[in-house]
């Protein structure tokens, strides 16, 4: 299974609010040979670390693709660029953010990764905005590097990471 985390806290000039922008980004992935199998509900989450920037909208999608992990990461960055994302510094407000969280439980170390790809994502186990939506999709998933399950990772989260479900039309999870 392949998981992509999505987030945004700024409106897009064409698509509007973050939920609409993230939905459009997911749709665009199809043009690159990345199919969305299902997605979590959307969450409203506080910025990490806490700051005065706007809260984020976050979710996680399970995707299917014949692309390699490296090519998928490059594709996610290309989609971000097509939406106007320019990376200036870490933890800044953004129109769209697409992160490769896990790729078929592949483990790639942090050291020596020339392409910047570390799997699973190196901070996913510390982020409510990743774990809560991902737990909807795979509640029994175990972190392939740490060997711990979703419940344990969620229980260990910093309590300052605030997250709440956004109301959606209907009650679907996908």
Protein backbone atom coordinates (compact mmCIF):
# COMPACT_ATOMS: atom_id res chain seq x y z
CA UNK A 1 0.00 0.00 0.00
CA UNK A 2 1.15 3.50 -0.84
CA UNK A 3 0.09 6.51 1.21
CA UNK A 4 0.29 10.21 0.38
CA UNK A 5 -0.40 12.87 2.99
CA UNK A 6 -1.95 16.12 1.81
CA UNK A 7 -2.14 19.51 3.43
CA UNK A 8 -2.81 23.17 2.73
CA UNK A 9 -3.51 26.30 4.72
CA UNK A 10 -3.68 28.98 2.04
CA UNK A 11 -6.35 29.47 -0.62
CA UNK A 12 -5.40 28.81 -4.22
CA UNK A 13 -6.15 31.63 -6.70
CA UNK A 14 -7.98 29.25 -9.07
CA UNK A 15 -9.36 26.45 -6.87
CA UNK A 16 -10.17 28.45 -3.75
CA UNK A 17 -10.09 27.04 -0.21
CA UNK A 18 -7.72 24.24 0.82
CA UNK A 19 -10.27 21.40 0.55
CA UNK A 20 -11.02 22.31 -3.07
CA UNK A 21 -7.31 22.70 -3.85
CA UNK A 22 -6.40 19.34 -2.31
CA UNK A 23 -9.25 17.64 -4.18
CA UNK A 24 -8.00 19.16 -7.44
CA UNK A 25 -4.44 18.00 -6.69
CA UNK A 26 -5.69 14.45 -6.12
CA UNK A 27 -7.56 14.56 -9.43
CA UNK A 28 -4.42 15.80 -11.21
CA UNK A 29 -2.43 12.80 -9.95
CA UNK A 30 -4.52 10.62 -12.28
CA UNK A 31 -2.83 12.33 -15.26
CA UNK A 32 0.50 11.00 -13.99
CA UNK A 33 -0.61 7.40 -13.65
CA UNK A 34 -1.39 7.64 -9.93
CA UNK A 35 -4.86 6.35 -9.02
CA UNK A 36 -6.53 7.33 -5.78
CA UNK A 37 -7.82 4.12 -4.21
CA UNK A 38 -9.44 5.88 -1.24
CA UNK A 39 -8.89 8.86 1.02
CA UNK A 40 -9.52 9.76 4.60
CA UNK A 41 -11.85 12.44 5.73
CA UNK A 42 -10.46 15.97 5.94
CA UNK A 43 -9.08 17.30 9.20
CA UNK A 44 -8.52 20.85 10.40
CA UNK A 45 -5.16 20.89 12.17
CA UNK A 46 -3.01 23.37 14.03
CA UNK A 47 0.33 24.27 12.47
CA UNK A 48 3.33 22.35 13.80
CA UNK A 49 4.97 23.91 15.67
CA UNK A 50 2.15 26.14 16.91
CA UNK A 51 2.30 29.57 15.32
CA UNK A 52 0.05 32.39 14.16
CA UNK A 53 -0.26 31.05 10.60
CA UNK A 54 -3.67 29.72 9.49
CA UNK A 55 -4.70 26.21 10.49
CA UNK A 56 -4.29 23.48 7.87
CA UNK A 57 -6.61 21.10 6.11
CA UNK A 58 -5.06 17.63 6.01
CA UNK A 59 -5.89 14.15 4.79
CA UNK A 60 -4.25 10.95 3.61
CA UNK A 61 -4.88 9.08 0.38
CA UNK A 62 -4.06 5.51 -0.48
CA UNK A 63 -2.84 5.47 -4.07
CA UNK A 64 -1.90 2.86 -6.64
CA UNK A 65 0.74 3.33 -9.31
CA UNK A 66 3.32 1.52 -11.38
CA UNK A 67 5.79 4.31 -10.65
CA UNK A 68 8.82 3.72 -8.46
CA UNK A 69 8.97 5.46 -5.09
CA UNK A 70 11.55 7.92 -6.45
CA UNK A 71 9.42 8.76 -9.49
CA UNK A 72 6.29 9.10 -7.37
CA UNK A 73 8.06 11.57 -5.07
CA UNK A 74 9.18 13.59 -8.12
CA UNK A 75 5.60 13.47 -9.42
CA UNK A 76 4.23 14.79 -6.13
CA UNK A 77 6.70 17.68 -6.29
CA UNK A 78 5.73 18.38 -9.90
CA UNK A 79 2.03 18.51 -9.00
CA UNK A 80 2.87 20.90 -6.14
CA UNK A 81 4.78 23.11 -8.60
CA UNK A 82 1.86 23.08 -11.05
CA UNK A 83 -0.31 24.42 -8.22
CA UNK A 84 2.19 27.21 -7.59
CA UNK A 85 4.01 25.88 -4.56
CA UNK A 86 7.48 27.30 -4.16
CA UNK A 87 9.58 25.90 -1.32
CA UNK A 88 11.31 28.69 0.60
CA UNK A 89 11.65 27.23 4.08
CA UNK A 90 10.35 24.37 6.19
CA UNK A 91 7.09 24.75 8.09
CA UNK A 92 5.86 27.71 6.07
CA UNK A 93 2.24 28.33 5.03
CA UNK A 94 1.44 26.61 1.74
CA UNK A 95 -1.10 26.30 -1.05
CA UNK A 96 -0.53 22.55 -1.33
CA UNK A 97 1.75 19.97 0.26
CA UNK A 98 1.95 16.37 -0.92
CA UNK A 99 4.18 13.98 1.04
CA UNK A 100 5.00 10.37 0.28
CA UNK A 101 4.39 8.73 3.66
CA UNK A 102 4.80 5.02 2.96
CA UNK A 103 5.51 3.03 -0.18
CA UNK A 104 4.65 -0.66 0.23
CA UNK A 105 6.39 -0.62 3.64
CA UNK A 106 9.74 0.04 1.96
CA UNK A 107 12.40 1.30 4.37
CA UNK A 108 14.93 3.80 3.01
CA UNK A 109 17.42 5.28 5.45
CA UNK A 110 17.87 8.98 6.09
CA UNK A 111 21.64 8.92 5.61
CA UNK A 112 22.93 9.02 2.06
CA UNK A 113 19.61 9.60 0.30
CA UNK A 114 20.73 11.70 -2.67
CA UNK A 115 17.15 12.10 -3.96
CA UNK A 116 15.84 13.14 -0.55
CA UNK A 117 13.55 10.13 -0.31
CA UNK A 118 13.31 8.64 3.18
CA UNK A 119 10.72 5.94 3.79
CA UNK A 120 8.59 5.82 5.69
CA UNK A 121 8.42 9.60 6.02
CA UNK A 122 10.85 10.47 8.84
CA UNK A 123 8.42 12.51 10.95
CA UNK A 124 5.11 10.79 10.18
CA UNK A 125 5.00 9.05 13.58
CA UNK A 126 5.13 12.48 15.28
CA UNK A 127 2.34 14.14 13.31
CA UNK A 128 -1.35 14.02 14.22
CA UNK A 129 -2.18 15.45 10.81
CA UNK A 130 -0.76 12.27 9.23
CA UNK A 131 -1.60 9.60 11.80
CA UNK A 132 -5.26 10.46 12.46
CA UNK A 133 -6.35 10.39 8.80
CA UNK A 134 -4.10 7.41 8.01
CA UNK A 135 -5.60 5.47 10.94
CA UNK A 136 -9.00 5.76 9.25
CA UNK A 137 -7.62 3.87 6.25
CA UNK A 138 -5.30 1.36 7.94
CA UNK A 139 -5.96 1.21 11.70
CA UNK A 140 -3.77 -1.88 12.11
CA UNK A 141 -0.77 -0.57 10.12
CA UNK A 142 2.62 -0.94 11.78
CA UNK A 143 5.51 1.44 11.18
CA UNK A 144 8.01 -0.70 9.26
CA UNK A 145 11.07 0.95 10.81
CA UNK A 146 9.84 1.44 14.40
CA UNK A 147 7.73 -1.73 14.60
CA UNK A 148 4.88 0.03 16.44
CA UNK A 149 1.22 0.30 15.54
CA UNK A 150 -1.10 3.22 14.91
CA UNK A 151 -2.61 3.22 18.41
CA UNK A 152 0.83 3.49 20.02
CA UNK A 153 1.99 6.24 17.68
CA UNK A 154 -1.21 8.23 18.24
CA UNK A 155 -0.96 7.80 22.02
CA UNK A 156 2.59 9.20 21.91
CA UNK A 157 1.66 12.38 20.03
CA UNK A 158 2.44 15.74 21.58
CA UNK A 159 -0.86 16.97 23.09
CA UNK A 160 -0.34 20.42 21.52
CA UNK A 161 -1.08 18.90 18.09
CA UNK A 162 -4.71 19.83 17.71
CA UNK A 163 -6.90 18.22 15.07
CA UNK A 164 -10.61 18.06 14.38
CA UNK A 165 -12.68 16.46 11.66
CA UNK A 166 -14.15 18.80 9.10
CA UNK A 167 -17.78 18.21 8.19
CA UNK A 168 -18.18 16.68 4.76
CA UNK A 169 -21.11 16.29 2.41
CA UNK A 170 -22.46 12.85 3.19
CA UNK A 171 -20.70 10.52 5.54
CA UNK A 172 -18.31 8.79 3.14
CA UNK A 173 -14.72 7.99 3.99
CA UNK A 174 -13.50 7.76 0.41
